[in-house]
PDB file of N, CA and C in Angstrom:
ATOM      1  N   UNK A   1      -8.631 -14.775   6.940  1.00  0.00           N
ATOM      2  CA  UNK A   1      -7.458 -15.400   5.746  1.00  0.00           C
ATOM      3  C   UNK A   1      -6.960 -14.700   4.356  1.00  0.00           C
ATOM      4  N   UNK A   2      -5.727 -14.145   4.578  1.00  0.00           N
ATOM      5  CA  UNK A   2      -5.242 -13.710   3.102  1.00  0.00           C
ATOM      6  C   UNK A   2      -4.804 -15.074   2.447  1.00  0.00           C
ATOM      7  N   UNK A   3      -5.098 -15.222   0.948  1.00  0.00           N
ATOM      8  CA  UNK A   3      -5.040 -16.006  -0.286  1.00  0.00           C
ATOM      9  C   UNK A   3      -3.834 -15.693  -0.466  1.00  0.00           C
ATOM     10  N   UNK A   4      -3.024 -16.814  -0.480  1.00  0.00           N
ATOM     11  CA  UNK A   4      -2.297 -15.787  -1.333  1.00  0.00           C
ATOM     12  C   UNK A   4      -1.697 -17.060  -3.076  1.00  0.00           C
ATOM     13  N   UNK A   5      -1.691 -16.478  -4.393  1.00  0.00           N
ATOM     14  CA  UNK A   5      -1.581 -16.692  -5.838  1.00  0.00           C
ATOM     15  C   UNK A   5      -0.826 -15.929  -6.402  1.00  0.00           C
ATOM     16  N   UNK A   6       0.386 -16.732  -6.409  1.00  0.00           N
ATOM     17  CA  UNK A   6       1.657 -15.743  -6.916  1.00  0.00           C
ATOM     18  C   UNK A   6       2.813 -16.611  -7.577  1.00  0.00           C
ATOM     19  N   UNK A   7       1.819 -17.693  -7.933  1.00  0.00           N
ATOM     20  CA  UNK A   7       2.682 -19.055  -9.043  1.00  0.00           C
ATOM     21  C   UNK A   7       3.103 -18.673 -10.458  1.00  0.00           C
ATOM     22  N   UNK A   8       2.447 -17.572 -10.903  1.00  0.00           N
ATOM     23  CA  UNK A   8       2.556 -17.371 -12.238  1.00  0.00           C
ATOM     24  C   UNK A   8       3.651 -16.068 -12.355  1.00  0.00           C
ATOM     25  N   UNK A   9       4.470 -15.623 -11.271  1.00  0.00           N
ATOM     26  CA  UNK A   9       5.185 -14.263 -11.081  1.00  0.00           C
ATOM     27  C   UNK A   9       6.808 -14.727 -11.164  1.00  0.00           C
ATOM     28  N   UNK A  10       6.863 -14.267 -12.149  1.00  0.00           N
ATOM     29  CA  UNK A  10       8.429 -14.421 -12.505  1.00  0.00           C
ATOM     30  C   UNK A  10       9.373 -13.004 -12.509  1.00  0.00           C
ATOM     31  N   UNK A  11       9.036 -12.018 -11.922  1.00  0.00           N
ATOM     32  CA  UNK A  11       9.849 -10.994 -11.477  1.00  0.00           C
ATOM     33  C   UNK A  11       8.863 -10.173 -10.373  1.00  0.00           C
ATOM     34  N   UNK A  12       9.784  -9.359  -9.237  1.00  0.00           N
ATOM     35  CA  UNK A  12       8.749  -8.636  -8.701  1.00  0.00           C
ATOM     36  C   UNK A  12       9.585  -7.206  -8.144  1.00  0.00           C
ATOM     37  N   UNK A  13       9.163  -6.318  -7.996  1.00  0.00           N
ATOM     38  CA  UNK A  13       9.571  -5.181  -7.226  1.00  0.00           C
ATOM     39  C   UNK A  13       8.185  -4.170  -6.425  1.00  0.00           C
ATOM     40  N   UNK A  14       9.101  -3.613  -5.134  1.00  0.00           N
ATOM     41  CA  UNK A  14       8.434  -3.595  -4.820  1.00  0.00           C
ATOM     42  C   UNK A  14       8.790  -1.763  -3.803  1.00  0.00           C
ATOM     43  N   UNK A  15       7.890  -1.110  -4.105  1.00  0.00           N
ATOM     44  CA  UNK A  15       8.704   0.814  -4.162  1.00  0.00           C
ATOM     45  C   UNK A  15       7.577   1.317  -2.775  1.00  0.00           C
ATOM     46  N   UNK A  16       8.096   2.441  -2.139  1.00  0.00           N
ATOM     47  CA  UNK A  16       7.381   2.401  -0.683  1.00  0.00           C
ATOM     48  C   UNK A  16       7.687   4.079  -0.843  1.00  0.00           C
ATOM     49  N   UNK A  17       6.370   4.710  -0.911  1.00  0.00           N
ATOM     50  CA  UNK A  17       5.776   6.103  -0.894  1.00  0.00           C
ATOM     51  C   UNK A  17       5.161   6.267   0.146  1.00  0.00           C
ATOM     52  N   UNK A  18       4.310   7.425  -0.378  1.00  0.00           N
ATOM     53  CA  UNK A  18       3.259   8.181   0.444  1.00  0.00           C
ATOM     54  C   UNK A  18       1.820   8.605   0.027  1.00  0.00           C
ATOM     55  N   UNK A  19       0.992   8.355   0.561  1.00  0.00           N
ATOM     56  CA  UNK A  19      -0.150   8.846  -0.271  1.00  0.00           C
ATOM     57  C   UNK A  19      -0.446  10.358  -0.537  1.00  0.00           C
ATOM     58  N   UNK A  20      -1.764  11.175  -0.468  1.00  0.00           N
ATOM     59  CA  UNK A  20      -1.791  12.455  -0.762  1.00  0.00           C
ATOM     60  C   UNK A  20      -2.691  12.635   0.933  1.00  0.00           C
ATOM     61  N   UNK A  21      -2.813  11.834   1.976  1.00  0.00           N
ATOM     62  CA  UNK A  21      -3.093  11.759   3.180  1.00  0.00           C
ATOM     63  C   UNK A  21      -1.797  11.877   3.857  1.00  0.00           C
ATOM     64  N   UNK A  22      -0.872  11.382   3.825  1.00  0.00           N
ATOM     65  CA  UNK A  22       0.578  11.240   4.752  1.00  0.00           C
ATOM     66  C   UNK A  22       1.006  10.043   4.548  1.00  0.00           C
ATOM     67  N   UNK A  23       0.351   8.793   4.316  1.00  0.00           N
ATOM     68  CA  UNK A  23      -0.077   7.321   4.997  1.00  0.00           C
ATOM     69  C   UNK A  23       0.916   7.123   4.160  1.00  0.00           C
ATOM     70  N   UNK A  24       1.632   5.864   4.387  1.00  0.00           N
ATOM     71  CA  UNK A  24       2.668   5.104   3.933  1.00  0.00           C
ATOM     72  C   UNK A  24       2.056   4.050   2.920  1.00  0.00           C
ATOM     73  N   UNK A  25       2.516   3.940   1.442  1.00  0.00           N
ATOM     74  CA  UNK A  25       1.558   3.023   0.562  1.00  0.00           C
ATOM     75  C   UNK A  25       2.365   2.338  -0.442  1.00  0.00           C
ATOM     76  N   UNK A  26       2.133   0.850  -0.716  1.00  0.00           N
ATOM     77  CA  UNK A  26       3.535   0.185  -1.248  1.00  0.00           C
ATOM     78  C   UNK A  26       2.535   0.430  -3.165  1.00  0.00           C
ATOM     79  N   UNK A  27       3.606   0.317  -3.932  1.00  0.00           N
ATOM     80  CA  UNK A  27       3.145   0.137  -4.842  1.00  0.00           C
ATOM     81  C   UNK A  27       4.390  -1.109  -5.661  1.00  0.00           C
ATOM     82  N   UNK A  28       3.710  -1.996  -6.149  1.00  0.00           N
ATOM     83  CA  UNK A  28       4.073  -3.491  -6.553  1.00  0.00           C
ATOM     84  C   UNK A  28       4.078  -3.220  -8.038  1.00  0.00           C
ATOM     85  N   UNK A  29       4.934  -3.679  -8.460  1.00  0.00           N
ATOM     86  CA  UNK A  29       5.257  -4.192  -9.808  1.00  0.00           C
ATOM     87  C   UNK A  29       5.590  -5.326 -10.222  1.00  0.00           C
ATOM     88  N   UNK A  30       4.885  -5.933 -11.278  1.00  0.00           N
ATOM     89  CA  UNK A  30       5.703  -7.907 -11.198  1.00  0.00           C
ATOM     90  C   UNK A  30       5.452  -7.993 -13.357  1.00  0.00           C
ATOM     91  N   UNK A  31       6.201  -9.235 -13.002  1.00  0.00           N
ATOM     92  CA  UNK A  31       6.115  -9.895 -14.369  1.00  0.00           C
ATOM     93  C   UNK A  31       5.760 -10.963 -14.156  1.00  0.00           C
ATOM     94  N   UNK A  32       4.480 -11.245 -15.043  1.00  0.00           N
ATOM     95  CA  UNK A  32       4.063 -12.943 -14.640  1.00  0.00           C
ATOM     96  C   UNK A  32       3.931 -13.340 -15.935  1.00  0.00           C
ATOM     97  N   UNK A  33       3.761 -14.770 -15.991  1.00  0.00           N
ATOM     98  CA  UNK A  33       3.610 -15.552 -17.087  1.00  0.00           C
ATOM     99  C   UNK A  33       2.297 -16.081 -16.919  1.00  0.00           C
ATOM    100  N   UNK A  34       1.399 -15.940 -18.570  1.00  0.00           N
ATOM    101  CA  UNK A  34       0.168 -16.908 -18.243  1.00  0.00           C
ATOM    102  C   UNK A  34       0.146 -18.009 -19.247  1.00  0.00           C
ATOM    103  N   UNK A  35      -1.472 -18.793 -18.889  1.00  0.00           N
ATOM    104  CA  UNK A  35      -1.280 -19.179 -20.376  1.00  0.00           C
ATOM    105  C   UNK A  35      -1.489 -19.152 -21.557  1.00  0.00           C
ATOM    106  N   UNK A  36      -0.844 -19.992 -22.197  1.00  0.00           N
ATOM    107  CA  UNK A  36      -0.487 -19.644 -23.963  1.00  0.00           C
ATOM    108  C   UNK A  36       0.546 -18.518 -24.177  1.00  0.00           C
ATOM    109  N   UNK A  37       1.619 -18.612 -23.364  1.00  0.00           N
ATOM    110  CA  UNK A  37       2.770 -18.238 -23.641  1.00  0.00           C
ATOM    111  C   UNK A  37       2.657 -16.577 -23.248  1.00  0.00           C
ATOM    112  N   UNK A  38       1.680 -16.065 -22.728  1.00  0.00           N
ATOM    113  CA  UNK A  38       1.398 -14.957 -22.709  1.00  0.00           C
ATOM    114  C   UNK A  38       2.103 -13.667 -21.632  1.00  0.00           C
ATOM    115  N   UNK A  39       3.131 -13.075 -21.381  1.00  0.00           N
ATOM    116  CA  UNK A  39       3.124 -12.309 -20.161  1.00  0.00           C
ATOM    117  C   UNK A  39       2.167 -11.329 -20.096  1.00  0.00           C
ATOM    118  N   UNK A  40       2.263 -10.803 -18.867  1.00  0.00           N
ATOM    119  CA  UNK A  40       1.576  -9.742 -18.093  1.00  0.00           C
ATOM    120  C   UNK A  40       2.796  -8.960 -17.508  1.00  0.00           C
ATOM    121  N   UNK A  41       2.647  -7.351 -17.541  1.00  0.00           N
ATOM    122  CA  UNK A  41       3.037  -7.075 -16.486  1.00  0.00           C
ATOM    123  C   UNK A  41       2.459  -6.219 -15.589  1.00  0.00           C
ATOM    124  N   UNK A  42       2.356  -5.740 -14.205  1.00  0.00           N
ATOM    125  CA  UNK A  42       1.138  -5.324 -13.561  1.00  0.00           C
ATOM    126  C   UNK A  42       1.506  -4.897 -12.463  1.00  0.00           C
ATOM    127  N   UNK A  43       0.864  -3.531 -12.093  1.00  0.00           N
ATOM    128  CA  UNK A  43       1.182  -2.442 -10.864  1.00  0.00           C
ATOM    129  C   UNK A  43      -0.203  -2.927 -10.070  1.00  0.00           C
ATOM    130  N   UNK A  44       0.295  -2.751  -9.019  1.00  0.00           N
ATOM    131  CA  UNK A  44      -0.737  -2.545  -8.041  1.00  0.00           C
ATOM    132  C   UNK A  44      -0.468  -1.592  -6.819  1.00  0.00           C
ATOM    133  N   UNK A  45      -1.207  -0.532  -5.764  1.00  0.00           N
ATOM    134  CA  UNK A  45      -1.405   0.085  -4.887  1.00  0.00           C
ATOM    135  C   UNK A  45      -1.964  -0.727  -3.848  1.00  0.00           C
ATOM    136  N   UNK A  46      -0.995  -0.813  -2.626  1.00  0.00           N
ATOM    137  CA  UNK A  46      -0.932  -1.678  -1.199  1.00  0.00           C
ATOM    138  C   UNK A  46      -1.723  -2.844  -1.547  1.00  0.00           C
ATOM    139  N   UNK A  47      -1.579  -3.365  -2.262  1.00  0.00           N
ATOM    140  CA  UNK A  47      -1.997  -4.947  -2.737  1.00  0.00           C
ATOM    141  C   UNK A  47      -1.820  -5.793  -0.995  1.00  0.00           C
ATOM    142  N   UNK A  48      -1.567  -5.340  -0.306  1.00  0.00           N
ATOM    143  CA  UNK A  48      -1.365  -6.231   1.041  1.00  0.00           C
ATOM    144  C   UNK A  48      -2.488  -5.833   1.713  1.00  0.00           C
ATOM    145  N   UNK A  49      -3.275  -5.180   1.684  1.00  0.00           N
ATOM    146  CA  UNK A  49      -4.869  -4.915   1.857  1.00  0.00           C
ATOM    147  C   UNK A  49      -5.562  -5.451   1.123  1.00  0.00           C
ATOM    148  N   UNK A  50      -5.425  -6.186   0.493  1.00  0.00           N
ATOM    149  CA  UNK A  50      -6.614  -7.029  -0.398  1.00  0.00           C
ATOM    150  C   UNK A  50      -6.220  -8.273   0.204  1.00  0.00           C
ATOM    151  N   UNK A  51      -7.709  -9.015  -0.231  1.00  0.00           N
ATOM    152  CA  UNK A  51      -7.718 -10.114   0.610  1.00  0.00           C
ATOM    153  C   UNK A  51      -7.208 -11.043  -0.521  1.00  0.00           C
ATOM    154  N   UNK A  52      -6.812 -11.315  -1.457  1.00  0.00           N
ATOM    155  CA  UNK A  52      -5.836 -12.439  -2.408  1.00  0.00           C
ATOM    156  C   UNK A  52      -4.748 -11.668  -3.001  1.00  0.00           C
ATOM    157  N   UNK A  53      -3.779 -12.350  -3.574  1.00  0.00           N
ATOM    158  CA  UNK A  53      -2.707 -11.852  -4.159  1.00  0.00           C
ATOM    159  C   UNK A  53      -2.803 -11.932  -5.515  1.00  0.00           C
ATOM    160  N   UNK A  54      -4.205 -12.403  -6.326  1.00  0.00           N
ATOM    161  CA  UNK A  54      -4.809 -12.701  -7.525  1.00  0.00           C
ATOM    162  C   UNK A  54      -4.814 -11.179  -8.273  1.00  0.00           C
ATOM    163  N   UNK A  55      -4.325 -11.470  -9.493  1.00  0.00           N
ATOM    164  CA  UNK A  55      -4.123 -10.061 -10.415  1.00  0.00           C
ATOM    165  C   UNK A  55      -5.599  -9.447 -10.550  1.00  0.00           C
ATOM    166  N   UNK A  56      -5.841  -8.472 -10.426  1.00  0.00           N
ATOM    167  CA  UNK A  56      -7.119  -7.951 -11.056  1.00  0.00           C
ATOM    168  C   UNK A  56      -6.945  -7.487 -12.886  1.00  0.00           C
ATOM    169  N   UNK A  57      -7.812  -7.305 -13.242  1.00  0.00           N
ATOM    170  CA  UNK A  57      -7.652  -6.463 -14.491  1.00  0.00           C
ATOM    171  C   UNK A  57      -7.034  -5.437 -14.736  1.00  0.00           C
ATOM    172  N   UNK A  58      -7.525  -4.338 -13.466  1.00  0.00           N
ATOM    173  CA  UNK A  58      -7.431  -3.195 -13.401  1.00  0.00           C
ATOM    174  C   UNK A  58      -5.318  -2.739 -13.754  1.00  0.00           C
ATOM    175  N   UNK A  59      -5.138  -4.175 -13.041  1.00  0.00           N
ATOM    176  CA  UNK A  59      -3.763  -4.303 -12.123  1.00  0.00           C
ATOM    177  C   UNK A  59      -2.808  -4.187 -13.859  1.00  0.00           C
ATOM    178  N   UNK A  60      -3.371  -4.864 -15.080  1.00  0.00           N
ATOM    179  CA  UNK A  60      -2.278  -5.546 -15.548  1.00  0.00           C
ATOM    180  C   UNK A  60      -2.274  -4.107 -16.950  1.00  0.00           C
ATOM    181  N   UNK A  61      -0.995  -3.717 -17.044  1.00  0.00           N
ATOM    182  CA  UNK A  61      -0.471  -2.313 -17.639  1.00  0.00           C
ATOM    183  C   UNK A  61      -0.053  -3.212 -19.218  1.00  0.00           C
ATOM    184  N   UNK A  62       0.449  -3.883 -19.406  1.00  0.00           N
ATOM    185  CA  UNK A  62       0.523  -4.595 -20.595  1.00  0.00           C
ATOM    186  C   UNK A  62       0.888  -6.467 -20.347  1.00  0.00           C
ATOM    187  N   UNK A  63       0.517  -6.857 -21.570  1.00  0.00           N
ATOM    188  CA  UNK A  63       0.216  -8.042 -22.016  1.00  0.00           C
ATOM    189  C   UNK A  63       0.502  -8.331 -23.538  1.00  0.00           C
ATOM    190  N   UNK A  64       1.499  -9.669 -24.091  1.00  0.00           N
ATOM    191  CA  UNK A  64       1.885  -9.926 -25.487  1.00  0.00           C
ATOM    192  C   UNK A  64       2.688 -10.868 -24.704  1.00  0.00           C
ATOM    193  N   UNK A  65       3.097 -11.586 -26.005  1.00  0.00           N
ATOM    194  CA  UNK A  65       4.142 -12.617 -26.632  1.00  0.00           C
ATOM    195  C   UNK A  65       5.379 -12.675 -26.076  1.00  0.00           C
ATOM    196  N   UNK A  66       6.285 -11.347 -26.037  1.00  0.00           N
ATOM    197  CA  UNK A  66       7.159 -11.086 -26.144  1.00  0.00           C
ATOM    198  C   UNK A  66       8.064 -10.578 -24.617  1.00  0.00           C
ATOM    199  N   UNK A  67       9.230 -11.674 -24.097  1.00  0.00           N
ATOM    200  CA  UNK A  67       9.374 -11.056 -23.007  1.00  0.00           C
ATOM    201  C   UNK A  67      10.297  -9.846 -23.172  1.00  0.00           C
ATOM    202  N   UNK A  68      10.799  -9.607 -24.267  1.00  0.00           N
ATOM    203  CA  UNK A  68      11.160  -8.128 -24.384  1.00  0.00           C
ATOM    204  C   UNK A  68      10.633  -7.343 -24.267  1.00  0.00           C
ATOM    205  N   UNK A  69       9.231  -7.072 -24.927  1.00  0.00           N
ATOM    206  CA  UNK A  69       8.497  -6.258 -24.962  1.00  0.00           C
ATOM    207  C   UNK A  69       7.997  -6.121 -23.315  1.00  0.00           C
ATOM    208  N   UNK A  70       7.503  -7.327 -22.445  1.00  0.00           N
ATOM    209  CA  UNK A  70       7.729  -7.096 -20.951  1.00  0.00           C
ATOM    210  C   UNK A  70       8.320  -6.411 -20.462  1.00  0.00           C
ATOM    211  N   UNK A  71       9.540  -6.917 -20.544  1.00  0.00           N
ATOM    212  CA  UNK A  71      10.191  -6.037 -19.901  1.00  0.00           C
ATOM    213  C   UNK A  71      10.507  -4.667 -20.393  1.00  0.00           C
ATOM    214  N   UNK A  72      10.490  -4.306 -21.495  1.00  0.00           N
ATOM    215  CA  UNK A  72      10.264  -2.814 -21.497  1.00  0.00           C
ATOM    216  C   UNK A  72       9.187  -2.136 -20.917  1.00  0.00           C
ATOM    217  N   UNK A  73       7.824  -2.520 -21.288  1.00  0.00           N
ATOM    218  CA  UNK A  73       7.028  -1.875 -20.073  1.00  0.00           C
ATOM    219  C   UNK A  73       6.932  -1.985 -18.677  1.00  0.00           C
ATOM    220  N   UNK A  74       7.479  -2.920 -18.642  1.00  0.00           N
ATOM    221  CA  UNK A  74       7.931  -3.096 -16.692  1.00  0.00           C
ATOM    222  C   UNK A  74       8.915  -2.030 -16.399  1.00  0.00           C
ATOM    223  N   UNK A  75       9.781  -1.865 -16.885  1.00  0.00           N
ATOM    224  CA  UNK A  75      10.809  -0.991 -16.412  1.00  0.00           C
ATOM    225  C   UNK A  75      10.417   0.377 -16.636  1.00  0.00           C
ATOM    226  N   UNK A  76       9.810   0.488 -17.754  1.00  0.00           N
ATOM    227  CA  UNK A  76       9.009   2.080 -17.970  1.00  0.00           C
ATOM    228  C   UNK A  76       8.384   1.965 -17.007  1.00  0.00           C
ATOM    229  N   UNK A  77       6.684   1.696 -16.595  1.00  0.00           N
ATOM    230  CA  UNK A  77       6.753   1.794 -15.056  1.00  0.00           C
ATOM    231  C   UNK A  77       7.492   1.875 -13.764  1.00  0.00           C
ATOM    232  N   UNK A  78       8.141   1.175 -13.961  1.00  0.00           N
ATOM    233  CA  UNK A  78       9.189   0.724 -12.534  1.00  0.00           C
ATOM    234  C   UNK A  78       9.667   2.525 -12.691  1.00  0.00           C
ATOM    235  N   UNK A  79      10.184   2.898 -13.440  1.00  0.00           N
ATOM    236  CA  UNK A  79      11.198   4.610 -13.479  1.00  0.00           C
ATOM    237  C   UNK A  79       9.949   5.074 -13.535  1.00  0.00           C
ATOM    238  N   UNK A  80       8.876   5.285 -13.763  1.00  0.00           N
ATOM    239  CA  UNK A  80       7.599   6.487 -13.640  1.00  0.00           C
ATOM    240  C   UNK A  80       7.393   6.315 -12.451  1.00  0.00           C
ATOM    241  N   UNK A  81       7.239   5.542 -12.020  1.00  0.00           N
ATOM    242  CA  UNK A  81       7.152   5.540 -10.257  1.00  0.00           C
ATOM    243  C   UNK A  81       8.349   5.886  -9.098  1.00  0.00           C
ATOM    244  N   UNK A  82       9.487   5.457  -9.842  1.00  0.00           N
ATOM    245  CA  UNK A  82      10.583   6.150  -9.190  1.00  0.00           C
ATOM    246  C   UNK A  82      10.997   7.616  -9.342  1.00  0.00           C
ATOM    247  N   UNK A  83      10.728   7.850 -10.543  1.00  0.00           N
ATOM    248  CA  UNK A  83      10.688   9.672 -11.001  1.00  0.00           C
ATOM    249  C   UNK A  83       9.559  10.333  -9.708  1.00  0.00           C
ATOM    250  N   UNK A  84       8.355   9.985  -9.753  1.00  0.00           N
ATOM    251  CA  UNK A  84       7.454  10.717  -8.953  1.00  0.00           C
ATOM    252  C   UNK A  84       7.663  10.207  -7.403  1.00  0.00           C
ATOM    253  N   UNK A  85       8.401   9.178  -6.796  1.00  0.00           N
ATOM    254  CA  UNK A  85       8.599   9.195  -5.766  1.00  0.00           C
ATOM    255  C   UNK A  85       9.854  10.034  -5.264  1.00  0.00           C
ATOM    256  N   UNK A  86      10.885  10.107  -6.025  1.00  0.00           N
ATOM    257  CA  UNK A  86      12.350  11.102  -6.059  1.00  0.00           C
ATOM    258  C   UNK A  86      11.373  11.976  -5.962  1.00  0.00           C
ATOM    259  N   UNK A  87      10.346  12.686  -6.838  1.00  0.00           N
ATOM    260  CA  UNK A  87      10.520  14.404  -7.024  1.00  0.00           C
ATOM    261  C   UNK A  87       9.663  14.590  -5.910  1.00  0.00           C
ATOM    262  N   UNK A  88       9.020  13.414  -4.954  1.00  0.00           N
ATOM    263  CA  UNK A  88       8.661  13.751  -3.585  1.00  0.00           C
ATOM    264  C   UNK A  88       9.595  13.778  -2.446  1.00  0.00           C
ATOM    265  N   UNK A  89      10.852  13.713  -2.804  1.00  0.00           N
ATOM    266  CA  UNK A  89      12.066  13.614  -1.935  1.00  0.00           C
ATOM    267  C   UNK A  89      12.188  12.006  -1.070  1.00  0.00           C
ATOM    268  N   UNK A  90      11.573  10.945  -1.893  1.00  0.00           N
ATOM    269  CA  UNK A  90      12.263   9.711  -1.447  1.00  0.00           C
ATOM    270  C   UNK A  90      13.320   9.156  -1.766  1.00  0.00           C
ATOM    271  N   UNK A  91      14.154   8.674  -1.069  1.00  0.00           N
ATOM    272  CA  UNK A  91      15.319   7.837  -1.683  1.00  0.00           C
ATOM    273  C   UNK A  91      15.002   6.539  -2.064  1.00  0.00           C
ATOM    274  N   UNK A  92      14.791   6.245  -3.428  1.00  0.00           N
ATOM    275  CA  UNK A  92      14.418   5.251  -3.845  1.00  0.00           C
ATOM    276  C   UNK A  92      15.970   4.501  -4.328  1.00  0.00           C
ATOM    277  N   UNK A  93      15.673   3.306  -4.384  1.00  0.00           N
ATOM    278  CA  UNK A  93      16.829   2.138  -5.360  1.00  0.00           C
ATOM    279  C   UNK A  93      15.801   0.955  -5.437  1.00  0.00           C
ATOM    280  N   UNK A  94      15.412   0.813  -7.020  1.00  0.00           N
ATOM    281  CA  UNK A  94      14.670  -0.332  -7.389  1.00  0.00           C
ATOM    282  C   UNK A  94      15.693  -0.378  -8.786  1.00  0.00           C
ATOM    283  N   UNK A  95      16.519  -1.725  -8.613  1.00  0.00           N
ATOM    284  CA  UNK A  95      16.708  -2.289  -9.792  1.00  0.00           C
ATOM    285  C   UNK A  95      15.554  -2.230 -10.846  1.00  0.00           C
ATOM    286  N   UNK A  96      16.415  -2.085 -12.194  1.00  0.00           N
ATOM    287  CA  UNK A  96      15.609  -2.855 -13.429  1.00  0.00           C
ATOM    288  C   UNK A  96      14.950  -4.387 -13.213  1.00  0.00           C
ATOM    289  N   UNK A  97      14.412  -4.730 -13.997  1.00  0.00           N
ATOM    290  CA  UNK A  97      13.951  -5.847 -14.307  1.00  0.00           C
ATOM    291  C   UNK A  97      14.908  -6.055 -15.601  1.00  0.00           C
ATOM    292  N   UNK A  98      15.383  -7.403 -15.510  1.00  0.00           N
ATOM    293  CA  UNK A  98      16.056  -8.217 -16.403  1.00  0.00           C
ATOM    294  C   UNK A  98      15.682  -9.343 -17.006  1.00  0.00           C
ATOM    295  N   UNK A  99      16.174 -10.106 -18.003  1.00  0.00           N
ATOM    296  CA  UNK A  99      16.352 -11.504 -18.851  1.00  0.00           C
ATOM    297  C   UNK A  99      16.862 -11.853 -17.754  1.00  0.00           C
ATOM    298  N   UNK A 100      18.084 -11.725 -17.626  1.00  0.00           N
ATOM    299  CA  UNK A 100      18.827 -12.396 -17.203  1.00  0.00           C
ATOM    300  C   UNK A 100      18.068 -13.050 -15.237  1.00  0.00           C
ATOM    301  N   UNK A 101      17.203 -12.273 -14.842  1.00  0.00           N
ATOM    302  CA  UNK A 101      16.290 -12.810 -13.508  1.00  0.00           C
ATOM    303  C   UNK A 101      15.443 -13.465 -14.018  1.00  0.00           C
ATOM    304  N   UNK A 102      14.880 -13.294 -15.267  1.00  0.00           N
ATOM    305  CA  UNK A 102      13.861 -14.288 -15.849  1.00  0.00           C
ATOM    306  C   UNK A 102      13.382 -15.449 -16.071  1.00  0.00           C
ATOM    307  N   UNK A 103      14.867 -15.870 -17.229  1.00  0.00           N
ATOM    308  CA  UNK A 103      14.882 -16.498 -17.895  1.00  0.00           C
ATOM    309  C   UNK A 103      15.747 -17.889 -17.076  1.00  0.00           C
ATOM    310  N   UNK A 104      16.192 -17.940 -15.879  1.00  0.00           N
ATOM    311  CA  UNK A 104      15.897 -19.053 -15.062  1.00  0.00           C
ATOM    312  C   UNK A 104      15.406 -19.775 -14.272  1.00  0.00           C
ATOM    313  N   UNK A 105      13.819 -18.380 -14.000  1.00  0.00           N
ATOM    314  CA  UNK A 105      12.742 -19.121 -13.505  1.00  0.00           C
ATOM    315  C   UNK A 105      11.992 -19.369 -14.716  1.00  0.00           C
ATOM    316  N   UNK A 106      11.716 -19.152 -15.505  1.00  0.00           N
ATOM    317  CA  UNK A 106      10.896 -19.750 -17.365  1.00  0.00           C
ATOM    318  C   UNK A 106      11.818 -21.129 -17.741  1.00  0.00           C
ATOM    319  N   UNK A 107      13.127 -21.112 -17.193  1.00  0.00           N
ATOM    320  CA  UNK A 107      13.527 -22.625 -17.769  1.00  0.00           C
ATOM    321  C   UNK A 107      13.160 -23.999 -16.541  1.00  0.00           C
ATOM    322  N   UNK A 108      13.131 -23.431 -15.989  1.00  0.00           N
ATOM    323  CA  UNK A 108      12.570 -24.290 -14.630  1.00  0.00           C
ATOM    324  C   UNK A 108      11.278 -24.367 -14.303  1.00  0.00           C
ATOM    325  N   UNK A 109      10.377 -23.550 -15.179  1.00  0.00           N
ATOM    326  CA  UNK A 109       8.668 -23.760 -15.214  1.00  0.00           C
ATOM    327  C   UNK A 109       8.453 -24.227 -16.235  1.00  0.00           C
ATOM    328  N   UNK A 110       9.035 -24.467 -17.307  1.00  0.00           N
ATOM    329  CA  UNK A 110       9.367 -24.967 -18.587  1.00  0.00           C
ATOM    330  C   UNK A 110       9.877 -26.753 -18.425  1.00  0.00           C
ATOM    331  N   UNK A 111      10.547 -26.965 -17.804  1.00  0.00           N
ATOM    332  CA  UNK A 111      11.436 -28.037 -17.579  1.00  0.00           C
ATOM    333  C   UNK A 111      10.824 -28.972 -16.772  1.00  0.00           C
ATOM    334  N   UNK A 112      10.269 -27.918 -15.468  1.00  0.00           N
ATOM    335  CA  UNK A 112       9.472 -29.145 -14.500  1.00  0.00           C
ATOM    336  C   UNK A 112       8.068 -29.263 -14.627  1.00  0.00           C
ATOM    337  N   UNK A 113       7.440 -29.410 -15.621  1.00  0.00           N
ATOM    338  CA  UNK A 113       6.088 -29.239 -15.721  1.00  0.00           C
ATOM    339  C   UNK A 113       5.529 -30.701 -15.874  1.00  0.00           C
TER     340      UNK A 113
END
C-alpha cells in the first residue's frame, strides 16, 4: 500500500514527458513548508513509483526562510523542465508558482494550528 505524506505541500506542478527509452515519465515540482519556518522546493521524477510521497533529501533543490526566494527557485526549475520538454516536441502548459496561490494556504495553516 502506498503511503501519502503531502501535508506540508503548498503548491505542486506535474509535467509529463518521455525518458530516454521512450517511456512516459512524470516530473513533479513542489513547494513545502517545513518546521522552523523553512520553505523547501523539491523535484522528483516518477514519484508515483515510490512507496511513499515523503520528500527525499535528494529531491530538495532549495531551502530557505523567504517565500519569494522559494517561488523564484521553483519557477526557475519549472522553466528548465518546460524548456527541455518543449525541445523534445512536447506541448507543455505549466503555470508558474505564485504568492497568490501559496498565501491562502499559509494563512489557513498558521491560523488553524
